[in-house]
Amino acid sequence: MRALVQAGLGGPQEMRLVTDAEVPVAGAGEVLVRVGAAGVNFADVSKSYGVFGGGPQPPYVAGFEAAGEILAVGAGVSEARLGEFVVGVGDGAFAEYTVLAAPVPVPPGWSAQEALGMVVNWPTALAALTIGRVAAGETVVIHAAAGATGQAAVKIAKHYGATVIGTASPGKHEVVLALGADHVLDSRSDDLAADILGMTGRVDLVLESGGNLEASLAVAKRVTGRVVVTGLAGGEAAITNWDLVYKHQVHVIGFNLGVLIETAPQIFGELPALIAAGVLSPTRPTTYDLADGPKALAELEARATVGKLALLP
């Protein structure tokens, strides 16, 4: 089968298209899926550099999010699921076939492309807002608001009655405002913290995706403000106990989607209701051919994209 193999740890440029990869076999509790579309996520970029915690070592078939048709099932999975269209996560999604564990059904009438985000971006946005204890009337800053997770977070936060300040590069501001954000600021500003404070004063909650940690800490309300750190898109950032005692008296909350799925799956319980209510609607990703996967990841890394990205095998 065709697949994108990460050959080294030098980033997306070391990803190679091969045509003779072995079709994987579904193990216990798994299903084999013919990939209709594979989601591109920043975690794929991190893995390509070897900085993703517990990430795979090359060579490996890249990607972990896919939607498609179940062709075979492993032990413990009902054969009644054969032919079902599902979306889920599993290693080796950037390929014509992949194995997924515990995938969820694609909503009726949705395509594989439209279902991408249901198991990665939307749960991340919902869980980050939930553990951040968002409440009606509060002010929330959402960084990378034009990305797939950021867009979902804007919609959900507005649904909960929050005032939303999104940050994004200037060319993406209209997209963020169209999502319902009350304000949008330049994420590349040299003084982003001052920009936020000058607009609203200190805020209740910040969803920090990894590129603006110092600004996020500086704008959160003292004592009651919360900063949920959802990723390391901007690289590693240091914070010390001295900072927390004398400089930033805020709640800093670490976020890991995999850990939450394992330990607190109930945190995602409202997701079906948000979909049913139309708060979260079918994704319309920017699509690339599988062979252009390295280009898609490089553009994502360069913050040159908007919304969800998908590879088509």
C-alpha atoms as a PDB file:
ATOM      1  CA  MET A   1       0.000   0.000   0.000  1.00  0.00           C
ATOM      2  CA  ARG A   2       0.964   3.665  -0.336  1.00  0.00           C
ATOM      3  CA  ALA A   3       2.102   5.220   2.928  1.00  0.00           C
ATOM      4  CA  LEU A   4       4.134   8.114   4.281  1.00  0.00           C
ATOM      5  CA  VAL A   5       7.115   6.867   6.261  1.00  0.00           C
ATOM      6  CA  GLN A   6       9.044   9.098   8.657  1.00  0.00           C
ATOM      7  CA  ALA A   7      12.637   8.156   7.895  1.00  0.00           C
ATOM      8  CA  GLY A   8      14.444  10.328  10.445  1.00  0.00           C
ATOM      9  CA  LEU A   9      13.973  12.955  13.127  1.00  0.00           C
ATOM     10  CA  GLY A  10      14.734  15.993  10.990  1.00  0.00           C
ATOM     11  CA  GLY A  11      11.147  17.112  10.620  1.00  0.00           C
ATOM     12  CA  PRO A  12       8.536  16.748   7.861  1.00  0.00           C
ATOM     13  CA  GLN A  13      11.186  16.947   5.149  1.00  0.00           C
ATOM     14  CA  GLU A  14      12.323  13.460   6.185  1.00  0.00           C
ATOM     15  CA  MET A  15       8.924  11.959   5.396  1.00  0.00           C
ATOM     16  CA  ARG A  16       8.953   9.676   2.343  1.00  0.00           C
ATOM     17  CA  LEU A  17       6.149   8.242   0.223  1.00  0.00           C
ATOM     18  CA  VAL A  18       6.490   4.489  -0.267  1.00  0.00           C
ATOM     19  CA  THR A  19       4.331   2.191  -2.374  1.00  0.00           C
ATOM     20  CA  ASP A  20       5.194  -1.178  -0.853  1.00  0.00           C
ATOM     21  CA  ALA A  21       4.273  -0.775   2.821  1.00  0.00           C
ATOM     22  CA  GLU A  22       2.592  -3.803   4.371  1.00  0.00           C
ATOM     23  CA  VAL A  23      -1.115  -3.547   5.085  1.00  0.00           C
ATOM     24  CA  PRO A  24      -1.475  -3.724   8.894  1.00  0.00           C
ATOM     25  CA  VAL A  25      -3.498  -6.404  10.681  1.00  0.00           C
ATOM     26  CA  ALA A  26      -6.149  -5.563  13.266  1.00  0.00           C
ATOM     27  CA  GLY A  27      -5.280  -6.849  16.727  1.00  0.00           C
ATOM     28  CA  ALA A  28      -7.578  -7.463  19.675  1.00  0.00           C
ATOM     29  CA  GLY A  29     -10.077  -4.636  20.044  1.00  0.00           C
ATOM     30  CA  GLU A  30      -8.971  -3.031  16.783  1.00  0.00           C
ATOM     31  CA  VAL A  31     -10.369  -2.584  13.276  1.00  0.00           C
ATOM     32  CA  LEU A  32      -8.714  -2.337   9.879  1.00  0.00           C
ATOM     33  CA  VAL A  33      -9.919   0.726   7.985  1.00  0.00           C
ATOM     34  CA  ARG A  34      -9.623   1.774   4.370  1.00  0.00           C
ATOM     35  CA  VAL A  35      -8.611   5.392   4.923  1.00  0.00           C
ATOM     36  CA  GLY A  36     -10.891   7.928   3.300  1.00  0.00           C
ATOM     37  CA  ALA A  37      -9.107  10.888   4.866  1.00  0.00           C
ATOM     38  CA  ALA A  38      -6.353  11.306   7.436  1.00  0.00           C
ATOM     39  CA  GLY A  39      -6.173  14.271   9.778  1.00  0.00           C
ATOM     40  CA  VAL A  40      -3.009  16.368  10.061  1.00  0.00           C
ATOM     41  CA  ASN A  41      -2.216  17.574  13.588  1.00  0.00           C
ATOM     42  CA  PHE A  42       0.601  19.488  15.228  1.00  0.00           C
ATOM     43  CA  ALA A  43       1.471  16.324  17.121  1.00  0.00           C
ATOM     44  CA  ASP A  44       2.542  14.891  13.761  1.00  0.00           C
ATOM     45  CA  VAL A  45       5.047  17.739  13.436  1.00  0.00           C
ATOM     46  CA  SER A  46       6.325  17.145  16.976  1.00  0.00           C
ATOM     47  CA  LYS A  47       6.749  13.426  16.302  1.00  0.00           C
ATOM     48  CA  SER A  48       8.709  14.170  13.123  1.00  0.00           C
ATOM     49  CA  TYR A  49      11.317  15.985  15.242  1.00  0.00           C
ATOM     50  CA  GLY A  50      11.304  13.401  18.018  1.00  0.00           C
ATOM     51  CA  VAL A  51      10.058  15.876  20.652  1.00  0.00           C
ATOM     52  CA  PHE A  52       6.635  14.297  21.234  1.00  0.00           C
ATOM     53  CA  GLY A  53       6.626  12.553  24.624  1.00  0.00           C
ATOM     54  CA  GLY A  54       6.663   8.788  24.072  1.00  0.00           C
ATOM     55  CA  GLY A  55       6.568   9.267  20.303  1.00  0.00           C
ATOM     56  CA  PRO A  56       7.576   6.618  17.761  1.00  0.00           C
ATOM     57  CA  GLN A  57      11.108   6.116  16.539  1.00  0.00           C
ATOM     58  CA  PRO A  58      11.829   6.110  12.793  1.00  0.00           C
ATOM     59  CA  PRO A  59      11.247   4.527  10.478  1.00  0.00           C
ATOM     60  CA  TYR A  60       7.483   4.489  11.069  1.00  0.00           C
ATOM     61  CA  VAL A  61       4.316   5.112   9.102  1.00  0.00           C
ATOM     62  CA  ALA A  62       3.265   8.611  10.152  1.00  0.00           C
ATOM     63  CA  GLY A  63      -0.125   9.962  11.168  1.00  0.00           C
ATOM     64  CA  PHE A  64      -2.592   8.924  13.866  1.00  0.00           C
ATOM     65  CA  GLU A  65      -6.065  10.277  12.973  1.00  0.00           C
ATOM     66  CA  ALA A  66      -8.179   8.740  10.212  1.00  0.00           C
ATOM     67  CA  ALA A  67     -11.714   8.203   8.986  1.00  0.00           C
ATOM     68  CA  GLY A  68     -12.879   5.482   6.648  1.00  0.00           C
ATOM     69  CA  GLU A  69     -14.626   2.149   6.157  1.00  0.00           C
ATOM     70  CA  ILE A  70     -14.036  -0.882   8.377  1.00  0.00           C
ATOM     71  CA  LEU A  71     -12.738  -3.779   6.249  1.00  0.00           C
ATOM     72  CA  ALA A  72     -11.755  -6.270   8.980  1.00  0.00           C
ATOM     73  CA  VAL A  73     -12.069  -6.611  12.744  1.00  0.00           C
ATOM     74  CA  GLY A  74      -9.788  -8.010  15.413  1.00  0.00           C
ATOM     75  CA  ALA A  75     -10.654 -10.268  18.302  1.00  0.00           C
ATOM     76  CA  GLY A  76     -13.350  -8.886  20.539  1.00  0.00           C
ATOM     77  CA  VAL A  77     -14.900  -6.647  17.882  1.00  0.00           C
ATOM     78  CA  SER A  78     -18.257  -7.599  16.403  1.00  0.00           C
ATOM     79  CA  GLU A  79     -18.293  -8.488  12.719  1.00  0.00           C
ATOM     80  CA  ALA A  80     -21.465  -6.430  12.543  1.00  0.00           C
ATOM     81  CA  ARG A  81     -19.167  -3.420  12.324  1.00  0.00           C
ATOM     82  CA  LEU A  82     -17.820  -4.508   8.915  1.00  0.00           C
ATOM     83  CA  GLY A  83     -18.607  -1.812   6.373  1.00  0.00           C
ATOM     84  CA  GLU A  84     -19.232   0.827   9.046  1.00  0.00           C
ATOM     85  CA  PHE A  85     -17.760   4.291   8.474  1.00  0.00           C
ATOM     86  CA  VAL A  86     -15.781   5.386  11.510  1.00  0.00           C
ATOM     87  CA  VAL A  87     -13.278   7.948  12.735  1.00  0.00           C
ATOM     88  CA  GLY A  88     -10.604   7.271  15.315  1.00  0.00           C
ATOM     89  CA  VAL A  89      -6.941   7.278  16.263  1.00  0.00           C
ATOM     90  CA  GLY A  90      -4.172   4.757  15.799  1.00  0.00           C
ATOM     91  CA  ASP A  91      -0.606   4.582  14.551  1.00  0.00           C
ATOM     92  CA  GLY A  92       0.089   4.800  10.822  1.00  0.00           C
ATOM     93  CA  ALA A  93      -2.870   6.862   9.575  1.00  0.00           C
ATOM     94  CA  PHE A  94      -0.989   8.428   6.645  1.00  0.00           C
ATOM     95  CA  ALA A  95      -1.598   5.398   4.455  1.00  0.00           C
ATOM     96  CA  GLU A  96      -4.228   3.679   2.332  1.00  0.00           C
ATOM     97  CA  TYR A  97      -5.093   1.354   5.237  1.00  0.00           C
ATOM     98  CA  THR A  98      -4.663   1.743   8.968  1.00  0.00           C
ATOM     99  CA  VAL A  99      -5.666   0.104  12.233  1.00  0.00           C
ATOM    100  CA  LEU A 100      -7.793   2.030  14.722  1.00  0.00           C
ATOM    101  CA  ALA A 101      -8.677   1.256  18.312  1.00  0.00           C
ATOM    102  CA  ALA A 102     -12.201   2.036  19.570  1.00  0.00           C
ATOM    103  CA  PRO A 103     -13.240   4.263  16.653  1.00  0.00           C
ATOM    104  CA  VAL A 104     -16.580   6.078  16.761  1.00  0.00           C
ATOM    105  CA  PRO A 105     -19.218   6.081  14.010  1.00  0.00           C
ATOM    106  CA  VAL A 106     -19.180   8.907  11.490  1.00  0.00           C
ATOM    107  CA  PRO A 107     -22.503  10.789  11.804  1.00  0.00           C
ATOM    108  CA  PRO A 108     -25.013   9.875   9.068  1.00  0.00           C
ATOM    109  CA  GLY A 109     -24.517  11.912   5.931  1.00  0.00           C
ATOM    110  CA  TRP A 110     -21.011  13.068   6.846  1.00  0.00           C
ATOM    111  CA  SER A 111     -18.018  12.216   4.660  1.00  0.00           C
ATOM    112  CA  ALA A 112     -14.701  10.949   5.976  1.00  0.00           C
ATOM    113  CA  GLN A 113     -13.222  14.429   5.530  1.00  0.00           C
ATOM    114  CA  GLU A 114     -16.071  16.079   7.430  1.00  0.00           C
ATOM    115  CA  ALA A 115     -15.656  13.722  10.408  1.00  0.00           C
ATOM    116  CA  LEU A 116     -11.996  14.594  10.984  1.00  0.00           C
ATOM    117  CA  GLY A 117     -11.564  16.532  14.202  1.00  0.00           C
ATOM    118  CA  MET A 118     -14.245  14.597  16.087  1.00  0.00           C
ATOM    119  CA  VAL A 119     -11.714  12.510  18.008  1.00  0.00           C
ATOM    120  CA  VAL A 120      -8.790  14.935  18.339  1.00  0.00           C
ATOM    121  CA  ASN A 121      -9.545  18.639  17.948  1.00  0.00           C
ATOM    122  CA  TRP A 122     -13.097  18.786  19.286  1.00  0.00           C
ATOM    123  CA  PRO A 123     -12.416  16.679  22.396  1.00  0.00           C
ATOM    124  CA  THR A 124      -9.296  18.763  23.070  1.00  0.00           C
ATOM    125  CA  ALA A 125     -11.265  22.016  22.898  1.00  0.00           C
ATOM    126  CA  LEU A 126     -14.115  20.706  25.063  1.00  0.00           C
ATOM    127  CA  ALA A 127     -11.854  19.159  27.694  1.00  0.00           C
ATOM    128  CA  ALA A 128      -9.563  22.199  27.901  1.00  0.00           C
ATOM    129  CA  LEU A 129     -12.517  24.485  28.532  1.00  0.00           C
ATOM    130  CA  THR A 130     -14.005  22.031  31.001  1.00  0.00           C
ATOM    131  CA  ILE A 131     -10.907  21.590  33.152  1.00  0.00           C
ATOM    132  CA  GLY A 132     -10.408  25.340  32.846  1.00  0.00           C
ATOM    133  CA  ARG A 133     -13.850  25.708  34.452  1.00  0.00           C
ATOM    134  CA  VAL A 134     -15.204  28.136  31.875  1.00  0.00           C
ATOM    135  CA  ALA A 135     -18.406  29.867  32.960  1.00  0.00           C
ATOM    136  CA  ALA A 136     -20.940  32.242  31.461  1.00  0.00           C
ATOM    137  CA  GLY A 137     -19.881  35.868  31.742  1.00  0.00           C
ATOM    138  CA  GLU A 138     -16.172  35.060  31.956  1.00  0.00           C
ATOM    139  CA  THR A 139     -13.549  36.264  29.496  1.00  0.00           C
ATOM    140  CA  VAL A 140     -11.497  33.605  27.723  1.00  0.00           C
ATOM    141  CA  VAL A 141      -8.381  34.034  25.579  1.00  0.00           C
ATOM    142  CA  ILE A 142      -7.961  31.342  22.928  1.00  0.00           C
ATOM    143  CA  HIS A 143      -4.586  31.265  21.221  1.00  0.00           C
ATOM    144  CA  ALA A 144      -4.229  29.821  17.693  1.00  0.00           C
ATOM    145  CA  ALA A 145      -7.939  30.504  17.310  1.00  0.00           C
ATOM    146  CA  ALA A 146      -7.910  29.934  13.552  1.00  0.00           C
ATOM    147  CA  GLY A 147      -6.602  26.379  13.874  1.00  0.00           C
ATOM    148  CA  ALA A 148      -8.792  23.296  14.037  1.00  0.00           C
ATOM    149  CA  THR A 149      -8.757  23.066  17.842  1.00  0.00           C
ATOM    150  CA  GLY A 150      -8.938  26.824  18.292  1.00  0.00           C
ATOM    151  CA  GLN A 151     -11.985  27.122  16.046  1.00  0.00           C
ATOM    152  CA  ALA A 152     -13.820  24.471  18.058  1.00  0.00           C
ATOM    153  CA  ALA A 153     -12.830  26.182  21.316  1.00  0.00           C
ATOM    154  CA  VAL A 154     -14.200  29.526  20.132  1.00  0.00           C
ATOM    155  CA  LYS A 155     -17.549  27.965  19.234  1.00  0.00           C
ATOM    156  CA  ILE A 156     -17.840  26.008  22.475  1.00  0.00           C
ATOM    157  CA  ALA A 157     -16.791  28.934  24.685  1.00  0.00           C
ATOM    158  CA  LYS A 158     -19.374  31.192  23.042  1.00  0.00           C
ATOM    159  CA  HIS A 159     -21.998  28.450  23.487  1.00  0.00           C
ATOM    160  CA  TYR A 160     -21.183  28.491  27.210  1.00  0.00           C
ATOM    161  CA  GLY A 161     -21.712  32.255  27.360  1.00  0.00           C
ATOM    162  CA  ALA A 162     -18.110  33.437  27.588  1.00  0.00           C
ATOM    163  CA  THR A 163     -16.598  36.544  26.021  1.00  0.00           C
ATOM    164  CA  VAL A 164     -13.897  35.293  23.660  1.00  0.00           C
ATOM    165  CA  ILE A 165     -10.655  36.968  22.644  1.00  0.00           C
ATOM    166  CA  GLY A 166      -8.966  34.997  19.888  1.00  0.00           C
ATOM    167  CA  THR A 167      -5.375  35.410  18.766  1.00  0.00           C
ATOM    168  CA  ALA A 168      -4.194  34.675  15.236  1.00  0.00           C
ATOM    169  CA  SER A 169      -1.982  36.148  12.551  1.00  0.00           C
ATOM    170  CA  PRO A 170      -3.579  39.168  10.820  1.00  0.00           C
ATOM    171  CA  GLY A 171      -4.605  37.309   7.678  1.00  0.00           C
ATOM    172  CA  LYS A 172      -6.791  34.982   9.758  1.00  0.00           C
ATOM    173  CA  HIS A 173      -8.683  37.565  11.811  1.00  0.00           C
ATOM    174  CA  GLU A 174     -11.841  37.535   9.690  1.00  0.00           C
ATOM    175  CA  VAL A 175     -12.047  33.762  10.064  1.00  0.00           C
ATOM    176  CA  VAL A 176     -11.884  34.021  13.857  1.00  0.00           C
ATOM    177  CA  LEU A 177     -14.511  36.764  14.011  1.00  0.00           C
ATOM    178  CA  ALA A 178     -16.806  34.749  11.747  1.00  0.00           C
ATOM    179  CA  LEU A 179     -16.656  31.924  14.298  1.00  0.00           C
ATOM    180  CA  GLY A 180     -18.232  34.231  16.878  1.00  0.00           C
ATOM    181  CA  ALA A 181     -15.184  35.587  18.706  1.00  0.00           C
ATOM    182  CA  ASP A 182     -15.836  38.980  20.302  1.00  0.00           C
ATOM    183  CA  HIS A 183     -12.318  40.248  19.635  1.00  0.00           C
ATOM    184  CA  VAL A 184      -9.242  39.071  17.785  1.00  0.00           C
ATOM    185  CA  LEU A 185      -5.650  40.178  18.289  1.00  0.00           C
ATOM    186  CA  ASP A 186      -2.383  39.666  16.428  1.00  0.00           C
ATOM    187  CA  SER A 187      -0.719  36.552  17.813  1.00  0.00           C
ATOM    188  CA  ARG A 188       2.610  37.783  16.479  1.00  0.00           C
ATOM    189  CA  SER A 189       2.499  41.093  18.350  1.00  0.00           C
ATOM    190  CA  ASP A 190       5.674  41.883  20.265  1.00  0.00           C
ATOM    191  CA  ASP A 191       3.542  42.947  23.236  1.00  0.00           C
ATOM    192  CA  LEU A 192       0.552  40.620  23.119  1.00  0.00           C
ATOM    193  CA  ALA A 193       0.017  40.747  26.884  1.00  0.00           C
ATOM    194  CA  ALA A 194      -0.296  44.540  26.806  1.00  0.00           C
ATOM    195  CA  ASP A 195      -2.686  44.279  23.868  1.00  0.00           C
ATOM    196  CA  ILE A 196      -4.978  41.956  25.840  1.00  0.00           C
ATOM    197  CA  LEU A 197      -4.758  43.933  29.084  1.00  0.00           C
ATOM    198  CA  GLY A 198      -5.461  47.168  27.239  1.00  0.00           C
ATOM    199  CA  MET A 199      -8.602  45.685  25.745  1.00  0.00           C
ATOM    200  CA  THR A 200     -10.234  43.912  28.685  1.00  0.00           C
ATOM    201  CA  GLY A 201      -7.912  43.889  31.666  1.00  0.00           C
ATOM    202  CA  ARG A 202      -7.014  40.544  33.205  1.00  0.00           C
ATOM    203  CA  VAL A 203      -8.995  37.527  32.000  1.00  0.00           C
ATOM    204  CA  ASP A 204     -10.508  34.472  33.651  1.00  0.00           C
ATOM    205  CA  LEU A 205      -9.152  31.705  31.426  1.00  0.00           C
ATOM    206  CA  VAL A 206      -6.490  31.242  28.759  1.00  0.00           C
ATOM    207  CA  LEU A 207      -6.119  28.256  26.430  1.00  0.00           C
ATOM    208  CA  GLU A 208      -2.383  28.232  25.780  1.00  0.00           C
ATOM    209  CA  SER A 209      -1.258  26.168  22.798  1.00  0.00           C
ATOM    210  CA  GLY A 210       2.439  26.578  23.421  1.00  0.00           C
ATOM    211  CA  GLY A 211       3.591  29.769  21.747  1.00  0.00           C
ATOM    212  CA  ASN A 212       2.560  32.498  24.185  1.00  0.00           C
ATOM    213  CA  LEU A 213       3.019  31.096  27.703  1.00  0.00           C
ATOM    214  CA  GLU A 214       4.571  34.224  29.214  1.00  0.00           C
ATOM    215  CA  ALA A 215       1.797  36.429  27.826  1.00  0.00           C
ATOM    216  CA  SER A 216      -0.844  33.938  28.965  1.00  0.00           C
ATOM    217  CA  LEU A 217       0.471  33.966  32.539  1.00  0.00           C
ATOM    218  CA  ALA A 218       0.669  37.761  32.526  1.00  0.00           C
ATOM    219  CA  VAL A 219      -2.963  38.326  31.507  1.00  0.00           C
ATOM    220  CA  ALA A 220      -4.709  35.790  33.747  1.00  0.00           C
ATOM    221  CA  LYS A 221      -6.426  37.211  36.817  1.00  0.00           C
ATOM    222  CA  ARG A 222      -4.415  36.920  39.993  1.00  0.00           C
ATOM    223  CA  VAL A 223      -5.523  34.133  42.318  1.00  0.00           C
ATOM    224  CA  THR A 224      -8.585  33.085  40.294  1.00  0.00           C
ATOM    225  CA  GLY A 225      -7.197  33.101  36.730  1.00  0.00           C
ATOM    226  CA  ARG A 226      -6.535  29.804  34.956  1.00  0.00           C
ATOM    227  CA  VAL A 227      -4.095  28.931  32.173  1.00  0.00           C
ATOM    228  CA  VAL A 228      -4.630  25.549  30.488  1.00  0.00           C
ATOM    229  CA  VAL A 229      -1.497  24.481  28.583  1.00  0.00           C
ATOM    230  CA  THR A 230      -2.663  22.292  25.700  1.00  0.00           C
ATOM    231  CA  GLY A 231       0.528  21.906  23.701  1.00  0.00           C
ATOM    232  CA  LEU A 232       4.087  22.860  22.869  1.00  0.00           C
ATOM    233  CA  ALA A 233       3.566  24.338  19.419  1.00  0.00           C
ATOM    234  CA  GLY A 234       5.976  27.174  20.181  1.00  0.00           C
ATOM    235  CA  GLY A 235       8.609  24.953  21.742  1.00  0.00           C
ATOM    236  CA  GLU A 236       9.380  24.385  25.408  1.00  0.00           C
ATOM    237  CA  ALA A 237       8.904  27.208  27.918  1.00  0.00           C
ATOM    238  CA  ALA A 238      10.110  27.347  31.511  1.00  0.00           C
ATOM    239  CA  ILE A 239       8.166  28.428  34.592  1.00  0.00           C
ATOM    240  CA  THR A 240       9.569  28.211  38.112  1.00  0.00           C
ATOM    241  CA  ASN A 241       8.112  28.107  41.607  1.00  0.00           C
ATOM    242  CA  TRP A 242       9.569  31.613  42.083  1.00  0.00           C
ATOM    243  CA  ASP A 243       7.482  32.784  39.107  1.00  0.00           C
ATOM    244  CA  LEU A 244       4.325  31.334  40.608  1.00  0.00           C
ATOM    245  CA  VAL A 245       4.915  32.789  44.064  1.00  0.00           C
ATOM    246  CA  TYR A 246       6.142  36.273  43.159  1.00  0.00           C
ATOM    247  CA  LYS A 247       5.161  36.955  39.555  1.00  0.00           C
ATOM    248  CA  HIS A 248       2.178  34.924  38.335  1.00  0.00           C
ATOM    249  CA  GLN A 249      -0.235  33.948  41.101  1.00  0.00           C
ATOM    250  CA  VAL A 250      -2.473  31.915  38.789  1.00  0.00           C
ATOM    251  CA  HIS A 251      -3.668  28.352  38.266  1.00  0.00           C
ATOM    252  CA  VAL A 252      -1.522  26.578  35.633  1.00  0.00           C
ATOM    253  CA  ILE A 253      -3.177  23.384  34.381  1.00  0.00           C
ATOM    254  CA  GLY A 254      -1.337  20.802  32.303  1.00  0.00           C
ATOM    255  CA  PHE A 255      -3.344  19.112  29.565  1.00  0.00           C
ATOM    256  CA  ASN A 256      -2.799  15.775  27.815  1.00  0.00           C
ATOM    257  CA  LEU A 257      -5.618  14.357  25.699  1.00  0.00           C
ATOM    258  CA  GLY A 258      -4.443  10.757  25.954  1.00  0.00           C
ATOM    259  CA  VAL A 259      -4.247  10.874  29.748  1.00  0.00           C
ATOM    260  CA  LEU A 260      -7.740  12.365  29.965  1.00  0.00           C
ATOM    261  CA  ILE A 261      -9.170   9.673  27.683  1.00  0.00           C
ATOM    262  CA  GLU A 262      -7.675   6.997  29.943  1.00  0.00           C
ATOM    263  CA  THR A 263      -8.454   8.517  33.322  1.00  0.00           C
ATOM    264  CA  ALA A 264     -11.470  10.809  32.899  1.00  0.00           C
ATOM    265  CA  PRO A 265     -13.430   9.860  29.757  1.00  0.00           C
ATOM    266  CA  GLN A 266     -16.568  11.400  31.266  1.00  0.00           C
ATOM    267  CA  ILE A 267     -15.072  14.823  30.543  1.00  0.00           C
ATOM    268  CA  PHE A 268     -16.038  14.342  26.887  1.00  0.00           C
ATOM    269  CA  GLY A 269     -19.638  13.444  27.649  1.00  0.00           C
ATOM    270  CA  GLU A 270     -21.170  16.610  26.257  1.00  0.00           C
ATOM    271  CA  LEU A 271     -19.563  16.201  22.820  1.00  0.00           C
ATOM    272  CA  PRO A 272     -22.534  14.373  21.198  1.00  0.00           C
ATOM    273  CA  ALA A 273     -24.917  17.060  22.458  1.00  0.00           C
ATOM    274  CA  LEU A 274     -22.715  19.820  21.025  1.00  0.00           C
ATOM    275  CA  ILE A 275     -22.753  18.057  17.652  1.00  0.00           C
ATOM    276  CA  ALA A 276     -26.510  17.472  17.792  1.00  0.00           C
ATOM    277  CA  ALA A 277     -27.070  21.144  18.640  1.00  0.00           C
ATOM    278  CA  GLY A 278     -24.966  22.277  15.684  1.00  0.00           C
ATOM    279  CA  VAL A 279     -22.367  23.990  17.871  1.00  0.00           C
ATOM    280  CA  LEU A 280     -19.832  21.679  16.245  1.00  0.00           C
ATOM    281  CA  SER A 281     -20.600  20.956  12.614  1.00  0.00           C
ATOM    282  CA  PRO A 282     -18.998  18.957   9.776  1.00  0.00           C
ATOM    283  CA  THR A 283     -15.374  19.882   9.175  1.00  0.00           C
ATOM    284  CA  ARG A 284     -14.392  21.239   5.777  1.00  0.00           C
ATOM    285  CA  PRO A 285     -10.648  20.670   5.757  1.00  0.00           C
ATOM    286  CA  THR A 286      -8.017  21.855   3.350  1.00  0.00           C
ATOM    287  CA  THR A 287      -7.034  18.677   1.526  1.00  0.00           C
ATOM    288  CA  TYR A 288      -3.723  17.439   0.174  1.00  0.00           C
ATOM    289  CA  ASP A 289      -2.761  14.306  -1.715  1.00  0.00           C
ATOM    290  CA  LEU A 290      -0.995  11.766   0.463  1.00  0.00           C
ATOM    291  CA  ALA A 291       2.238  12.451  -1.429  1.00  0.00           C
ATOM    292  CA  ASP A 292       2.025  16.101  -0.340  1.00  0.00           C
ATOM    293  CA  GLY A 293       1.960  15.226   3.344  1.00  0.00           C
ATOM    294  CA  PRO A 294       5.385  16.786   4.020  1.00  0.00           C
ATOM    295  CA  LYS A 295       4.144  20.029   2.459  1.00  0.00           C
ATOM    296  CA  ALA A 296       0.998  20.006   4.608  1.00  0.00           C
ATOM    297  CA  LEU A 297       2.998  19.492   7.805  1.00  0.00           C
ATOM    298  CA  ALA A 298       5.526  22.172   6.851  1.00  0.00           C
ATOM    299  CA  GLU A 299       2.741  24.673   6.207  1.00  0.00           C
ATOM    300  CA  LEU A 300       1.097  23.785   9.524  1.00  0.00           C
ATOM    301  CA  GLU A 301       4.417  24.233  11.306  1.00  0.00           C
ATOM    302  CA  ALA A 302       4.859  27.640   9.643  1.00  0.00           C
ATOM    303  CA  ARG A 303       1.376  28.750  10.828  1.00  0.00           C
ATOM    304  CA  ALA A 304       0.413  29.224   7.179  1.00  0.00           C
ATOM    305  CA  THR A 305      -2.862  27.255   7.380  1.00  0.00           C
ATOM    306  CA  VAL A 306      -6.398  27.807   8.621  1.00  0.00           C
ATOM    307  CA  GLY A 307      -8.650  25.151  10.152  1.00  0.00           C
ATOM    308  CA  LYS A 308      -8.348  21.424   9.676  1.00  0.00           C
ATOM    309  CA  LEU A 309      -5.920  19.797   7.215  1.00  0.00           C
ATOM    310  CA  ALA A 310      -6.451  16.366   5.653  1.00  0.00           C
ATOM    311  CA  LEU A 311      -4.451  13.946   3.507  1.00  0.00           C
ATOM    312  CA  LEU A 312      -6.278  11.902   0.883  1.00  0.00           C
ATOM    313  CA  PRO A 313      -4.673   8.495   0.133  1.00  0.00           C
END
